[in-house]
Every structure is written in C-alpha cells, then in structure tokens.
Amino acid sequence: MTRQTIRAGIKTVLEAANSGLRVYEEESPEDPEFPCLVLFNGPEENIAPTALQWDLASRLYIFSGTPDQGWAEVDKYLEPAGTESIIAGIATDPSLNGTADVAKVRNPIGEGNIRDPNGDGSQNIYSTQIMFRICY
C-alpha cells in the first residue's frame, strides 16, 4: 500500500458515499468543482514493525452565498451521520476500498476560512480542515 493508493481509496469511498462531493488527490487542483475535498500530506510514523500510521490532512471547500448558508453547508459534511457526512462515508468502508487496514476521521474542525473571490460578498468560498488517521 502506498500513499497514492490510499488517496485513491479515499476518493473512491467518499465519492461513492456522497455523490455531490468531489475529492482531489493532488494538493492544488487546477480547476476544482465545489463542494470538494482536497487531500494534503501529513506525518507518517511506524506503530509496529510492519505497520505505519499516517495522519492525512485535507481541506473541505464549499462555494455558497451568505455566511449562514455557507457554514450550514460545511456543517453537513462534518456531522457524524447523514448522506453528506464525511465521517459516515469513511465509516462505510474504513479499509478505503482495500487500500488501508483501517481509516477514520480524526478531528473534523468546525471552523475555517471565508474567501470572497468576487470582492462583493455575493459568493464566498468556505473552507475547513479535516484530518484522517490511516493505518496500513
């Protein structure tokens, strides 16, 4: 198992569990579609002679109007259950389509950033960090 196959496993599992979420395996997607989850690198450590643990960082991006709408959209992905829940999506297949021994959402963070690409407040990009713990 490699980091690349684990990233592909996260993409497969979350896009199957949540048809509206796009998962990007690369850190800087050229033209992302929203809502999306962008995967980043994180620290890796040996936890046994033949096992590794990887804390994979990611960032969830939502494109929405007002702050109330935007954060309500973000919250749907951070809930422990539901059709849009990233936590529930990973729980449906913690082996990430056979690419890991076990994976879980480590700490969904319910606060984040707002960017206003138009500069007029009409549409904003909301983002928050989500960490995964993967053993393989």
N, C-alpha and C. Protein backbone atom coordinates (compact mmCIF):
# COMPACT_ATOMS: atom_id res chain seq x y z
N MET A 1 0.84 -1.18 0.00
CA MET A 1 0.00 0.00 0.00
C MET A 1 0.89 1.24 0.00
N THR A 2 0.50 2.20 -0.79
CA THR A 2 1.24 3.45 -0.88
C THR A 2 0.32 4.62 -0.57
N ARG A 3 0.91 5.77 -0.35
CA ARG A 3 0.09 6.97 -0.12
C ARG A 3 -0.80 7.25 -1.32
N GLN A 4 -0.28 7.02 -2.51
CA GLN A 4 -1.06 7.27 -3.71
C GLN A 4 -2.30 6.36 -3.77
N THR A 5 -2.14 5.08 -3.44
CA THR A 5 -3.31 4.19 -3.47
C THR A 5 -4.30 4.53 -2.35
N ILE A 6 -3.78 4.97 -1.20
CA ILE A 6 -4.67 5.39 -0.11
C ILE A 6 -5.47 6.62 -0.51
N ARG A 7 -4.82 7.59 -1.15
CA ARG A 7 -5.54 8.77 -1.64
C ARG A 7 -6.65 8.36 -2.61
N ALA A 8 -6.31 7.45 -3.51
CA ALA A 8 -7.30 6.96 -4.48
C ALA A 8 -8.44 6.24 -3.75
N GLY A 9 -8.12 5.51 -2.68
CA GLY A 9 -9.15 4.83 -1.88
C GLY A 9 -10.09 5.82 -1.21
N ILE A 10 -9.55 6.89 -0.64
CA ILE A 10 -10.40 7.92 -0.03
C ILE A 10 -11.32 8.52 -1.08
N LYS A 11 -10.77 8.84 -2.23
CA LYS A 11 -11.58 9.41 -3.32
C LYS A 11 -12.72 8.46 -3.70
N THR A 12 -12.41 7.19 -3.90
CA THR A 12 -13.41 6.20 -4.30
C THR A 12 -14.51 6.07 -3.25
N VAL A 13 -14.11 5.93 -1.99
CA VAL A 13 -15.08 5.72 -0.92
C VAL A 13 -15.97 6.94 -0.72
N LEU A 14 -15.38 8.14 -0.64
CA LEU A 14 -16.19 9.33 -0.37
C LEU A 14 -17.05 9.73 -1.55
N GLU A 15 -16.57 9.59 -2.77
CA GLU A 15 -17.40 9.95 -3.92
C GLU A 15 -18.54 8.96 -4.10
N ALA A 16 -18.33 7.69 -3.72
CA ALA A 16 -19.42 6.71 -3.79
C ALA A 16 -20.46 6.96 -2.70
N ALA A 17 -20.01 7.35 -1.52
CA ALA A 17 -20.93 7.59 -0.40
C ALA A 17 -21.67 8.92 -0.54
N ASN A 18 -21.06 9.88 -1.23
CA ASN A 18 -21.63 11.22 -1.33
C ASN A 18 -21.48 11.70 -2.76
N SER A 19 -22.53 11.56 -3.55
CA SER A 19 -22.42 11.85 -4.98
C SER A 19 -22.13 13.31 -5.31
N GLY A 20 -22.37 14.21 -4.39
CA GLY A 20 -22.12 15.62 -4.67
C GLY A 20 -20.72 16.10 -4.34
N LEU A 21 -19.95 15.31 -3.61
CA LEU A 21 -18.61 15.72 -3.17
C LEU A 21 -17.56 15.25 -4.16
N ARG A 22 -16.68 16.16 -4.56
CA ARG A 22 -15.55 15.79 -5.40
C ARG A 22 -14.31 15.74 -4.53
N VAL A 23 -13.49 14.71 -4.71
CA VAL A 23 -12.27 14.55 -3.93
C VAL A 23 -11.09 14.66 -4.88
N TYR A 24 -10.15 15.54 -4.53
CA TYR A 24 -8.95 15.75 -5.34
C TYR A 24 -7.75 15.19 -4.61
N GLU A 25 -7.04 14.29 -5.28
CA GLU A 25 -5.88 13.63 -4.69
C GLU A 25 -4.66 14.54 -4.70
N GLU A 26 -4.63 15.53 -5.55
CA GLU A 26 -3.49 16.45 -5.63
C GLU A 26 -3.76 17.69 -4.79
N GLU A 27 -2.68 18.30 -4.30
CA GLU A 27 -2.83 19.42 -3.37
C GLU A 27 -3.34 20.70 -4.02
N SER A 28 -3.11 20.90 -5.29
CA SER A 28 -3.54 22.13 -5.95
C SER A 28 -4.30 21.81 -7.23
N PRO A 29 -5.56 21.41 -7.11
CA PRO A 29 -6.31 21.11 -8.33
C PRO A 29 -6.42 22.37 -9.20
N GLU A 30 -6.30 22.16 -10.50
CA GLU A 30 -6.26 23.30 -11.42
C GLU A 30 -7.58 24.06 -11.50
N ASP A 31 -8.67 23.33 -11.62
CA ASP A 31 -9.98 23.96 -11.77
C ASP A 31 -11.00 23.19 -10.93
N PRO A 32 -10.96 23.34 -9.60
CA PRO A 32 -11.81 22.50 -8.75
C PRO A 32 -13.29 22.81 -8.89
N GLU A 33 -14.09 21.77 -8.76
CA GLU A 33 -15.54 21.92 -8.72
C GLU A 33 -15.97 21.80 -7.26
N PHE A 34 -16.92 22.63 -6.84
CA PHE A 34 -17.37 22.66 -5.47
C PHE A 34 -18.66 21.87 -5.32
N PRO A 35 -18.95 21.27 -4.17
CA PRO A 35 -18.10 21.14 -2.99
C PRO A 35 -16.98 20.14 -3.26
N CYS A 36 -15.86 20.36 -2.61
CA CYS A 36 -14.74 19.44 -2.83
C CYS A 36 -13.89 19.28 -1.57
N LEU A 37 -13.16 18.18 -1.57
CA LEU A 37 -12.22 17.86 -0.51
C LEU A 37 -10.86 17.71 -1.18
N VAL A 38 -9.88 18.49 -0.74
CA VAL A 38 -8.53 18.44 -1.30
C VAL A 38 -7.61 17.77 -0.29
N LEU A 39 -6.91 16.72 -0.72
CA LEU A 39 -6.04 15.95 0.17
C LEU A 39 -4.63 16.52 0.17
N PHE A 40 -4.01 16.59 1.35
CA PHE A 40 -2.65 17.08 1.53
C PHE A 40 -1.81 15.99 2.18
N ASN A 41 -0.55 16.25 2.37
CA ASN A 41 0.31 15.31 3.08
C ASN A 41 0.22 15.54 4.58
N GLY A 42 0.74 14.60 5.33
CA GLY A 42 0.79 14.71 6.78
C GLY A 42 1.86 13.77 7.30
N PRO A 43 2.12 13.81 8.60
CA PRO A 43 3.17 12.98 9.17
C PRO A 43 2.82 11.49 9.14
N GLU A 44 3.86 10.68 9.01
CA GLU A 44 3.74 9.23 8.99
C GLU A 44 4.68 8.68 10.05
N GLU A 45 4.27 7.63 10.76
CA GLU A 45 5.16 7.03 11.76
C GLU A 45 4.94 5.53 11.83
N ASN A 46 5.99 4.82 12.22
CA ASN A 46 5.89 3.38 12.44
C ASN A 46 5.20 3.14 13.77
N ILE A 47 4.17 2.31 13.77
CA ILE A 47 3.49 1.98 15.02
C ILE A 47 3.72 0.53 15.42
N ALA A 48 4.32 -0.24 14.53
CA ALA A 48 4.70 -1.64 14.77
C ALA A 48 5.73 -1.98 13.71
N PRO A 49 6.43 -3.10 13.86
CA PRO A 49 7.45 -3.44 12.87
C PRO A 49 6.95 -3.47 11.42
N THR A 50 5.69 -3.84 11.22
CA THR A 50 5.17 -3.92 9.86
C THR A 50 3.96 -3.03 9.63
N ALA A 51 3.76 -2.01 10.46
CA ALA A 51 2.59 -1.15 10.31
C ALA A 51 2.99 0.32 10.37
N LEU A 52 2.32 1.11 9.55
CA LEU A 52 2.52 2.55 9.53
C LEU A 52 1.22 3.25 9.86
N GLN A 53 1.35 4.42 10.45
CA GLN A 53 0.19 5.27 10.72
C GLN A 53 0.44 6.60 10.03
N TRP A 54 -0.56 7.08 9.30
CA TRP A 54 -0.42 8.32 8.54
C TRP A 54 -1.55 9.25 8.92
N ASP A 55 -1.23 10.46 9.34
CA ASP A 55 -2.24 11.49 9.59
C ASP A 55 -2.30 12.36 8.35
N LEU A 56 -3.34 12.18 7.57
CA LEU A 56 -3.52 12.86 6.30
C LEU A 56 -4.41 14.08 6.50
N ALA A 57 -3.90 15.23 6.12
CA ALA A 57 -4.67 16.46 6.22
C ALA A 57 -5.47 16.66 4.94
N SER A 58 -6.60 17.32 5.08
CA SER A 58 -7.41 17.68 3.92
C SER A 58 -8.13 18.98 4.22
N ARG A 59 -8.67 19.58 3.18
CA ARG A 59 -9.44 20.80 3.36
C ARG A 59 -10.71 20.68 2.54
N LEU A 60 -11.84 20.93 3.19
CA LEU A 60 -13.15 20.91 2.56
C LEU A 60 -13.47 22.33 2.08
N TYR A 61 -13.91 22.46 0.83
CA TYR A 61 -14.27 23.76 0.26
C TYR A 61 -15.73 23.73 -0.19
N ILE A 62 -16.46 24.76 0.19
CA ILE A 62 -17.87 24.93 -0.18
C ILE A 62 -18.00 26.31 -0.82
N PHE A 63 -18.73 26.40 -1.92
CA PHE A 63 -18.99 27.68 -2.59
C PHE A 63 -20.44 28.02 -2.32
N SER A 64 -20.69 29.13 -1.63
CA SER A 64 -22.04 29.47 -1.24
C SER A 64 -22.19 30.97 -1.09
N GLY A 65 -23.37 31.40 -0.74
CA GLY A 65 -23.67 32.83 -0.61
C GLY A 65 -23.33 33.37 0.77
N THR A 66 -24.35 33.56 1.58
CA THR A 66 -24.17 34.20 2.88
C THR A 66 -23.40 33.30 3.84
N PRO A 67 -22.79 33.87 4.88
CA PRO A 67 -22.11 33.05 5.87
C PRO A 67 -23.02 32.00 6.52
N ASP A 68 -24.26 32.34 6.80
CA ASP A 68 -25.17 31.35 7.39
C ASP A 68 -25.36 30.15 6.46
N GLN A 69 -25.54 30.42 5.17
CA GLN A 69 -25.70 29.33 4.21
C GLN A 69 -24.40 28.53 4.09
N GLY A 70 -23.29 29.21 3.99
CA GLY A 70 -22.00 28.55 3.80
C GLY A 70 -21.63 27.65 4.95
N TRP A 71 -21.74 28.16 6.18
CA TRP A 71 -21.37 27.33 7.33
C TRP A 71 -22.36 26.20 7.56
N ALA A 72 -23.64 26.42 7.19
CA ALA A 72 -24.61 25.32 7.28
C ALA A 72 -24.23 24.20 6.31
N GLU A 73 -23.75 24.56 5.13
CA GLU A 73 -23.28 23.56 4.16
C GLU A 73 -22.06 22.82 4.71
N VAL A 74 -21.09 23.54 5.27
CA VAL A 74 -19.90 22.92 5.85
C VAL A 74 -20.31 21.94 6.95
N ASP A 75 -21.23 22.35 7.81
CA ASP A 75 -21.65 21.51 8.93
C ASP A 75 -22.23 20.18 8.47
N LYS A 76 -22.93 20.15 7.34
CA LYS A 76 -23.49 18.89 6.84
C LYS A 76 -22.39 17.86 6.60
N TYR A 77 -21.23 18.30 6.14
CA TYR A 77 -20.13 17.38 5.86
C TYR A 77 -19.39 16.95 7.13
N LEU A 78 -19.54 17.71 8.22
CA LEU A 78 -18.85 17.41 9.47
C LEU A 78 -19.71 16.64 10.47
N GLU A 79 -20.98 16.44 10.15
CA GLU A 79 -21.87 15.70 11.04
C GLU A 79 -21.39 14.25 11.16
N PRO A 80 -21.67 13.58 12.30
CA PRO A 80 -21.26 12.18 12.45
C PRO A 80 -22.06 11.21 11.58
N ALA A 81 -23.23 11.62 11.11
CA ALA A 81 -24.06 10.75 10.28
C ALA A 81 -24.77 11.60 9.23
N GLY A 82 -25.29 10.93 8.25
CA GLY A 82 -26.03 11.63 7.19
C GLY A 82 -25.44 11.34 5.82
N THR A 83 -26.22 11.64 4.79
CA THR A 83 -25.81 11.31 3.43
C THR A 83 -24.63 12.15 2.93
N GLU A 84 -24.39 13.30 3.53
CA GLU A 84 -23.27 14.14 3.12
C GLU A 84 -22.09 14.07 4.09
N SER A 85 -22.23 13.31 5.16
CA SER A 85 -21.21 13.24 6.21
C SER A 85 -19.95 12.54 5.72
N ILE A 86 -18.81 13.21 5.86
CA ILE A 86 -17.52 12.60 5.53
C ILE A 86 -17.19 11.51 6.55
N ILE A 87 -17.53 11.74 7.81
CA ILE A 87 -17.29 10.74 8.86
C ILE A 87 -18.05 9.45 8.54
N ALA A 88 -19.32 9.57 8.20
CA ALA A 88 -20.13 8.39 7.87
C ALA A 88 -19.63 7.73 6.58
N GLY A 89 -19.19 8.53 5.62
CA GLY A 89 -18.67 7.98 4.38
C GLY A 89 -17.46 7.09 4.61
N ILE A 90 -16.52 7.55 5.43
CA ILE A 90 -15.34 6.74 5.75
C ILE A 90 -15.75 5.51 6.55
N ALA A 91 -16.73 5.66 7.45
CA ALA A 91 -17.17 4.53 8.27
C ALA A 91 -17.81 3.42 7.44
N THR A 92 -18.35 3.74 6.27
CA THR A 92 -18.94 2.70 5.42
C THR A 92 -17.89 1.75 4.87
N ASP A 93 -16.64 2.24 4.72
CA ASP A 93 -15.56 1.38 4.22
C ASP A 93 -14.23 1.87 4.81
N PRO A 94 -13.97 1.52 6.09
CA PRO A 94 -12.74 2.00 6.73
C PRO A 94 -11.47 1.42 6.14
N SER A 95 -11.58 0.44 5.23
CA SER A 95 -10.38 -0.07 4.55
C SER A 95 -10.06 0.75 3.30
N LEU A 96 -10.89 1.75 3.02
CA LEU A 96 -10.69 2.63 1.87
C LEU A 96 -10.56 1.83 0.57
N ASN A 97 -11.54 1.00 0.35
CA ASN A 97 -11.57 0.18 -0.86
C ASN A 97 -10.38 -0.77 -0.92
N GLY A 98 -9.97 -1.27 0.25
CA GLY A 98 -8.88 -2.24 0.33
C GLY A 98 -7.48 -1.64 0.29
N THR A 99 -7.37 -0.32 0.41
CA THR A 99 -6.04 0.31 0.33
C THR A 99 -5.40 0.55 1.69
N ALA A 100 -6.12 0.31 2.78
CA ALA A 100 -5.59 0.53 4.13
C ALA A 100 -6.13 -0.54 5.06
N ASP A 101 -5.48 -0.70 6.21
CA ASP A 101 -6.02 -1.61 7.22
C ASP A 101 -7.24 -0.99 7.88
N VAL A 102 -7.13 0.27 8.25
CA VAL A 102 -8.26 0.98 8.85
C VAL A 102 -8.02 2.49 8.72
N ALA A 103 -9.12 3.22 8.53
CA ALA A 103 -9.06 4.67 8.44
C ALA A 103 -10.23 5.26 9.21
N LYS A 104 -10.02 6.44 9.76
CA LYS A 104 -11.11 7.15 10.42
C LYS A 104 -10.85 8.64 10.32
N VAL A 105 -11.91 9.40 10.50
CA VAL A 105 -11.77 10.85 10.57
C VAL A 105 -11.31 11.17 11.96
N ARG A 106 -10.18 11.84 12.05
CA ARG A 106 -9.56 12.07 13.35
C ARG A 106 -10.13 13.27 14.07
N ASN A 107 -10.20 14.38 13.41
CA ASN A 107 -10.73 15.58 14.07
C ASN A 107 -11.31 16.55 13.05
N PRO A 108 -12.61 16.42 12.76
CA PRO A 108 -13.21 17.44 11.91
C PRO A 108 -13.25 18.76 12.67
N ILE A 109 -12.81 19.81 12.04
CA ILE A 109 -12.74 21.12 12.68
C ILE A 109 -13.86 21.97 12.11
N GLY A 110 -14.76 22.41 12.96
CA GLY A 110 -15.94 23.13 12.51
C GLY A 110 -15.75 24.61 12.28
N GLU A 111 -14.52 25.06 12.26
CA GLU A 111 -14.30 26.47 11.96
C GLU A 111 -13.33 26.55 10.81
N GLY A 112 -13.32 27.64 10.12
CA GLY A 112 -12.43 27.72 8.97
C GLY A 112 -12.32 29.11 8.43
N ASN A 113 -12.13 29.19 7.13
CA ASN A 113 -11.87 30.46 6.46
C ASN A 113 -12.97 30.78 5.47
N ILE A 114 -13.10 32.06 5.17
CA ILE A 114 -14.00 32.53 4.12
C ILE A 114 -13.18 33.35 3.14
N ARG A 115 -13.34 33.07 1.84
CA ARG A 115 -12.72 33.87 0.79
C ARG A 115 -13.82 34.42 -0.09
N ASP A 116 -13.68 35.65 -0.51
CA ASP A 116 -14.66 36.30 -1.37
C ASP A 116 -13.99 36.59 -2.72
N PRO A 117 -14.06 35.62 -3.68
CA PRO A 117 -13.32 35.80 -4.93
C PRO A 117 -13.80 36.98 -5.78
N ASN A 118 -15.09 37.35 -5.67
CA ASN A 118 -15.61 38.46 -6.46
C ASN A 118 -15.41 39.81 -5.78
N GLY A 119 -15.12 39.79 -4.49
CA GLY A 119 -14.92 41.03 -3.75
C GLY A 119 -16.19 41.78 -3.42
N ASP A 120 -17.35 41.16 -3.66
CA ASP A 120 -18.61 41.87 -3.40
C ASP A 120 -19.51 41.16 -2.39
N GLY A 121 -19.05 40.03 -1.84
CA GLY A 121 -19.82 39.31 -0.84
C GLY A 121 -20.94 38.47 -1.39
N SER A 122 -21.11 38.43 -2.73
CA SER A 122 -22.23 37.68 -3.31
C SER A 122 -22.02 36.18 -3.27
N GLN A 123 -20.80 35.73 -3.47
CA GLN A 123 -20.47 34.31 -3.43
C GLN A 123 -19.17 34.17 -2.66
N ASN A 124 -19.13 33.23 -1.75
CA ASN A 124 -17.95 33.05 -0.92
C ASN A 124 -17.51 31.59 -0.96
N ILE A 125 -16.23 31.37 -0.69
CA ILE A 125 -15.69 30.03 -0.58
C ILE A 125 -15.40 29.79 0.90
N TYR A 126 -16.04 28.79 1.47
CA TYR A 126 -15.88 28.43 2.87
C TYR A 126 -14.99 27.20 2.93
N SER A 127 -14.06 27.18 3.86
CA SER A 127 -13.19 26.01 3.96
C SER A 127 -12.89 25.68 5.41
N THR A 128 -12.66 24.40 5.65
CA THR A 128 -12.29 23.93 6.97
C THR A 128 -11.40 22.70 6.82
N GLN A 129 -10.57 22.47 7.82
CA GLN A 129 -9.62 21.35 7.78
C GLN A 129 -10.26 20.09 8.35
N ILE A 130 -9.92 18.95 7.74
CA ILE A 130 -10.35 17.65 8.23
C ILE A 130 -9.12 16.74 8.22
N MET A 131 -8.87 16.05 9.33
CA MET A 131 -7.74 15.13 9.43
C MET A 131 -8.23 13.70 9.41
N PHE A 132 -7.49 12.85 8.69
CA PHE A 132 -7.76 11.42 8.66
C PHE A 132 -6.60 10.71 9.34
N ARG A 133 -6.88 9.65 10.06
CA ARG A 133 -5.82 8.76 10.59
C ARG A 133 -5.96 7.44 9.87
N ILE A 134 -4.88 7.04 9.21
CA ILE A 134 -4.89 5.84 8.39
C ILE A 134 -3.79 4.90 8.88
N CYS A 135 -4.13 3.66 9.11
CA CYS A 135 -3.14 2.64 9.46
C CYS A 135 -3.05 1.66 8.30
N TYR A 136 -1.80 1.35 7.94
CA TYR A 136 -1.59 0.42 6.82
C TYR A 136 -0.29 -0.31 6.97
